[in-house]
Protein backbone atom coordinates (compact mmCIF):
# COMPACT_ATOMS: atom_id res chain seq x y z
CA ASP A 1 119.94 67.81 113.00
CA PHE A 2 117.15 70.42 114.15
CA HIS A 3 114.21 67.95 114.02
CA HIS A 4 115.72 65.32 116.11
CA THR A 5 117.91 67.63 118.54
CA GLY A 6 116.45 71.13 118.46
CA LYS A 7 119.97 72.32 117.48
CA LYS A 8 121.40 73.68 114.51
CA VAL A 9 118.59 76.20 112.75
CA PRO A 10 120.19 77.38 109.66
CA TYR A 11 121.82 80.61 110.06
CA THR A 12 122.25 82.24 106.56
CA CYS A 13 125.13 83.97 105.96
CA THR A 14 124.68 87.03 103.80
CA GLN A 15 128.16 86.78 102.29
CA CYS A 16 128.78 90.64 102.50
CA ASP A 17 130.62 92.29 100.33
CA GLU A 18 132.86 93.79 103.15
CA ALA A 19 133.37 90.30 104.80
CA TRP A 20 134.22 91.23 108.01
CA CYS A 21 134.49 87.89 108.92
CA LEU A 22 137.15 87.19 106.43
CA HIS A 23 139.06 89.96 107.36
CA ALA A 24 138.75 89.66 110.99
CA CYS A 25 140.67 86.00 111.11
CA PRO A 26 144.02 85.82 112.03
CA VAL A 27 144.72 82.55 110.34
CA GLU A 28 143.36 83.57 106.94
CA ALA A 29 140.85 80.32 107.30
CA ILE A 30 138.02 82.19 105.60
CA THR A 31 138.44 82.42 101.70
CA VAL A 32 136.40 83.17 98.76
CA ASP A 33 134.85 80.45 96.85
CA LYS A 34 135.57 81.43 93.28
CA ALA A 35 133.16 78.93 91.93
CA THR A 36 130.08 80.46 94.26
CA GLY A 37 131.47 83.80 95.82
CA ALA A 38 130.87 82.21 99.24
CA LYS A 39 133.15 83.02 102.00
CA VAL A 40 133.93 79.60 103.41
CA VAL A 41 135.86 78.65 106.37
CA ASN A 42 138.75 76.03 105.67
CA GLU A 43 138.45 73.77 108.96
CA SER A 44 142.11 72.54 108.48
CA THR A 45 143.21 76.00 108.99
CA CYS A 46 140.80 77.50 111.92
CA VAL A 47 142.08 77.80 114.90
CA GLY A 48 138.72 78.00 116.67
CA CYS A 49 139.77 81.39 117.99
CA LYS A 50 136.30 82.89 117.36
CA VAL A 51 137.17 86.38 116.18
CA CYS A 52 135.02 85.85 113.38
CA THR A 53 131.82 85.25 115.42
CA ILE A 54 132.63 88.64 117.04
CA ALA A 55 133.09 90.32 113.72
CA CYS A 56 130.04 88.96 112.12
CA PRO A 57 127.43 91.71 112.64
CA PHE A 58 124.47 89.11 111.82
CA GLY A 59 125.84 86.40 114.22
CA THR A 60 125.88 83.81 111.38
CA ILE A 61 129.10 82.06 112.22
CA ASN A 62 128.86 79.81 115.16
CA TYR A 63 131.66 77.81 117.32
CA VAL A 64 130.98 74.25 117.26
CA GLN A 65 132.15 72.80 120.71
CA GLU A 66 132.44 69.26 118.96
CA THR A 67 135.26 70.24 116.50
CA GLY A 68 136.56 73.57 118.35
CA LYS A 69 136.37 75.20 115.21
CA VAL A 70 133.69 77.50 113.83
CA GLN A 71 130.95 76.88 111.03
CA LYS A 72 129.36 79.14 108.49
CA CYS A 73 126.79 78.90 105.63
CA ASP A 74 129.05 78.05 102.50
CA LEU A 75 125.99 78.01 100.40
CA CYS A 76 126.26 74.20 99.92
CA GLY A 77 128.09 74.64 96.58
CA GLY A 78 125.65 77.17 94.72
CA ASP A 79 122.67 74.86 95.79
CA PRO A 80 121.68 75.96 99.56
CA ALA A 81 120.29 72.84 101.11
CA CYS A 82 117.93 75.35 103.09
CA VAL A 83 116.28 76.69 100.30
CA GLU A 84 114.90 73.17 99.83
CA ALA A 85 114.11 72.25 103.43
CA CYS A 86 112.26 75.19 104.04
CA PRO A 87 108.45 74.36 104.88
CA THR A 88 107.37 78.10 104.18
CA GLY A 89 109.42 78.94 101.23
CA ALA A 90 111.01 81.99 103.22
CA ILE A 91 114.50 81.19 102.26
CA THR A 92 115.40 81.75 98.84
CA PHE A 93 118.45 81.84 96.97
CA VAL A 94 119.17 84.30 93.95
CA ASP A 95 122.57 84.29 92.16
CA ALA A 96 123.49 87.89 91.91
CA ASN A 97 124.23 87.64 87.94
CA TRP A 98 120.38 86.75 87.59
CA THR A 99 119.25 89.69 89.48
CA GLY A 100 120.77 92.21 86.66
CA ILE A 101 122.29 94.11 89.47
CA ASP A 102 125.20 95.39 87.07
CA LYS A 103 122.28 97.02 84.97
CA MET A 104 120.76 98.28 88.30
CA LYS A 105 124.30 99.84 89.18
CA GLN A 106 124.65 101.28 85.91
CA TRP A 107 121.05 103.57 86.52
CA ALA A 108 121.69 103.81 89.52
CA ASP A 109 124.84 105.97 88.69
CA LYS A 110 122.93 107.46 85.76
CA LEU A 111 120.14 108.62 88.27
CA GLY A 112 122.99 109.57 90.80
CA ASN A 113 124.76 111.89 88.12
CA GLN A 114 121.73 113.99 87.73
CA PRO A 115 121.37 117.27 89.20
CA SER A 116 118.56 116.94 91.74
CA ALA A 117 115.19 119.00 91.39
CA ALA A 118 115.29 122.11 93.41
């Protein structure tokens, strides 16, 4: 809608491990999508209390007045549309499994277990 209304600029959710929004929701309307790992809002469960908007430290959950519910990035099922739409390539999506993060964690554990040089 941005090109027509100047509204609804994509707010890219960082999909926090801590997921403050998920833990703050009093009706458990935010859950983890098992396929993508995204924290998603179940619109039929959401009561529009906005507690998650306060809990999110990045301001990426928004109240939608027309629906009376909140809205956040759900990673578009693992193929985020904002990545395709971004004309400068400033938005990217990297699957955590592709990054080799587990190997990096193992290496960090090895380094962290070494005595530091004095």
